[in-house]
Amino acid sequence: MPIINVDEAPVIQSDFHKSKVFVSPKVLNSIHMAVRMNELSAGFSHESHTHITDEMLIILDGRGEYLEMDEKYIIEPMSVVYIPRGTVHSVRVVGKTPLKLIVINAPPD
C-alpha cells in the first residue's frame, strides 16, 4: 500500500489556490477517485460551477461559505460537505485565514 508524504505530494499552484495531489489518474494511476488537499487564500472565491463527479469537502482549517443553489452555509474545521454530481455550488473564504480542505472526487474529473 503506497504511503504518501504530504510534503512530497505534487503541487498545482495559482495566485489564490494551492493544491497537493495525493491520488489521481496521474498520481498513483487511480481511475476511481481523486484526492487532494487544497489551500485557498484569504479573500478567495470562485464562480458557481458543477462537476461531472460526486465531490466531498473536508474542512481542516479556516472558515468559509459554501453556496449551493440559493442556500448559504458556513464551513469550518471538521465540516464535511457532500456535493452530488451536477450540483451548482461555490466556496468563498471568510476572514484572514486561508481555508485548508481535503477534496475528494469520485470518479476523478
Protein backbone atom coordinates (compact mmCIF):
# COMPACT_ATOMS: atom_id res chain seq x y z
CA MET A 1 0.00 0.00 0.00
CA PRO A 2 1.55 3.34 -1.02
CA ILE A 3 2.15 5.87 1.73
CA ILE A 4 2.04 9.49 0.62
CA ASN A 5 4.06 12.11 2.46
CA VAL A 6 2.05 15.36 2.35
CA ASP A 7 5.23 17.42 1.96
CA GLU A 8 6.29 15.39 -1.10
CA ALA A 9 2.95 15.39 -2.96
CA PRO A 10 2.86 17.07 -6.38
CA VAL A 11 1.68 20.70 -6.14
CA ILE A 12 -0.54 22.68 -8.50
CA GLN A 13 -0.48 26.39 -7.70
CA SER A 14 -2.13 29.60 -8.87
CA ASP A 15 -2.32 33.09 -7.37
CA PHE A 16 -5.03 32.21 -4.81
CA HIS A 17 -5.01 28.43 -4.71
CA LYS A 18 -2.54 25.68 -3.85
CA SER A 19 -3.39 22.02 -4.33
CA LYS A 20 -1.36 18.99 -3.17
CA VAL A 21 -2.43 15.97 -5.19
CA PHE A 22 -2.44 12.67 -3.30
CA VAL A 23 -4.43 10.39 -5.64
CA SER A 24 -5.49 10.93 -9.25
CA PRO A 25 -5.17 9.30 -12.66
CA LYS A 26 -1.68 10.87 -12.89
CA VAL A 27 -0.70 10.18 -9.26
CA LEU A 28 -0.99 6.51 -8.26
CA ASN A 29 -2.87 5.80 -11.51
CA SER A 30 -6.31 5.88 -9.86
CA ILE A 31 -9.35 5.62 -12.12
CA HIS A 32 -11.81 5.56 -9.21
CA MET A 33 -11.06 8.72 -7.23
CA ALA A 34 -9.03 11.90 -6.91
CA VAL A 35 -7.90 13.16 -3.50
CA ARG A 36 -6.10 16.42 -2.87
CA MET A 37 -5.50 18.96 -0.14
CA ASN A 38 -6.36 22.49 -1.21
CA GLU A 39 -5.39 25.73 0.45
CA LEU A 40 -7.44 28.73 -0.65
CA SER A 41 -6.06 32.19 0.16
CA ALA A 42 -7.95 34.69 2.31
CA GLY A 43 -10.41 36.57 0.10
CA PHE A 44 -10.58 33.77 -2.50
CA SER A 45 -13.90 32.86 -4.06
CA HIS A 46 -14.81 31.13 -7.27
CA GLU A 47 -17.75 31.31 -9.61
CA SER A 48 -20.61 28.84 -9.23
CA HIS A 49 -19.85 25.64 -11.12
CA THR A 50 -20.69 21.94 -11.35
CA HIS A 51 -18.74 18.70 -11.62
CA ILE A 52 -19.47 15.55 -13.57
CA THR A 53 -18.47 13.57 -10.44
CA ASP A 54 -19.53 13.44 -6.81
CA GLU A 55 -17.38 15.66 -4.60
CA MET A 56 -16.67 15.75 -0.88
CA LEU A 57 -15.01 18.59 1.03
CA ILE A 58 -13.49 18.02 4.48
CA ILE A 59 -12.56 21.31 6.12
CA LEU A 60 -9.29 21.23 8.08
CA ASP A 61 -8.61 24.89 8.90
CA GLY A 62 -10.05 28.34 8.27
CA ARG A 63 -13.60 29.42 7.65
CA GLY A 64 -15.66 29.80 4.52
CA GLU A 65 -19.07 29.99 2.95
CA TYR A 66 -20.41 27.17 0.83
CA LEU A 67 -23.18 28.22 -1.55
CA GLU A 68 -25.44 25.60 -3.12
CA MET A 69 -28.21 26.89 -5.33
CA ASP A 70 -29.64 29.73 -3.18
CA GLU A 71 -28.61 28.30 0.22
CA LYS A 72 -25.53 29.58 2.06
CA TYR A 73 -23.72 27.51 4.72
CA ILE A 74 -20.79 28.34 6.98
CA ILE A 75 -17.98 25.78 6.71
CA GLU A 76 -15.23 25.49 9.32
CA PRO A 77 -12.88 22.83 10.71
CA MET A 78 -14.50 19.40 10.93
CA SER A 79 -17.30 20.36 8.48
CA VAL A 80 -17.89 17.74 5.80
CA VAL A 81 -19.75 18.76 2.63
CA TYR A 82 -21.12 16.19 0.17
CA ILE A 83 -21.83 17.59 -3.32
CA PRO A 84 -23.64 15.25 -5.72
CA ARG A 85 -22.56 15.48 -9.36
CA GLY A 86 -24.27 18.23 -11.30
CA THR A 87 -24.95 20.37 -8.20
CA VAL A 88 -24.33 24.09 -8.77
CA HIS A 89 -22.05 25.33 -5.96
CA SER A 90 -19.25 27.69 -4.95
CA VAL A 91 -16.92 28.36 -2.00
CA ARG A 92 -15.72 31.67 -0.58
CA VAL A 93 -13.03 32.11 2.07
CA VAL A 94 -14.21 34.21 5.03
CA GLY A 95 -11.72 36.06 7.24
CA LYS A 96 -7.95 36.44 7.10
CA THR A 97 -7.00 32.76 7.47
CA PRO A 98 -6.61 30.55 4.39
CA LEU A 99 -9.17 27.76 4.03
CA LYS A 100 -7.49 24.34 4.05
CA LEU A 101 -9.56 21.34 2.96
CA ILE A 102 -9.40 17.81 1.61
CA VAL A 103 -11.24 17.43 -1.70
CA ILE A 104 -12.35 14.02 -2.94
CA ASN A 105 -13.88 13.42 -6.37
CA ALA A 106 -15.23 10.03 -7.34
CA PRO A 107 -14.58 9.13 -10.03
CA PRO A 108 -11.85 11.69 -10.84
CA ASP A 109 -12.99 14.56 -13.05
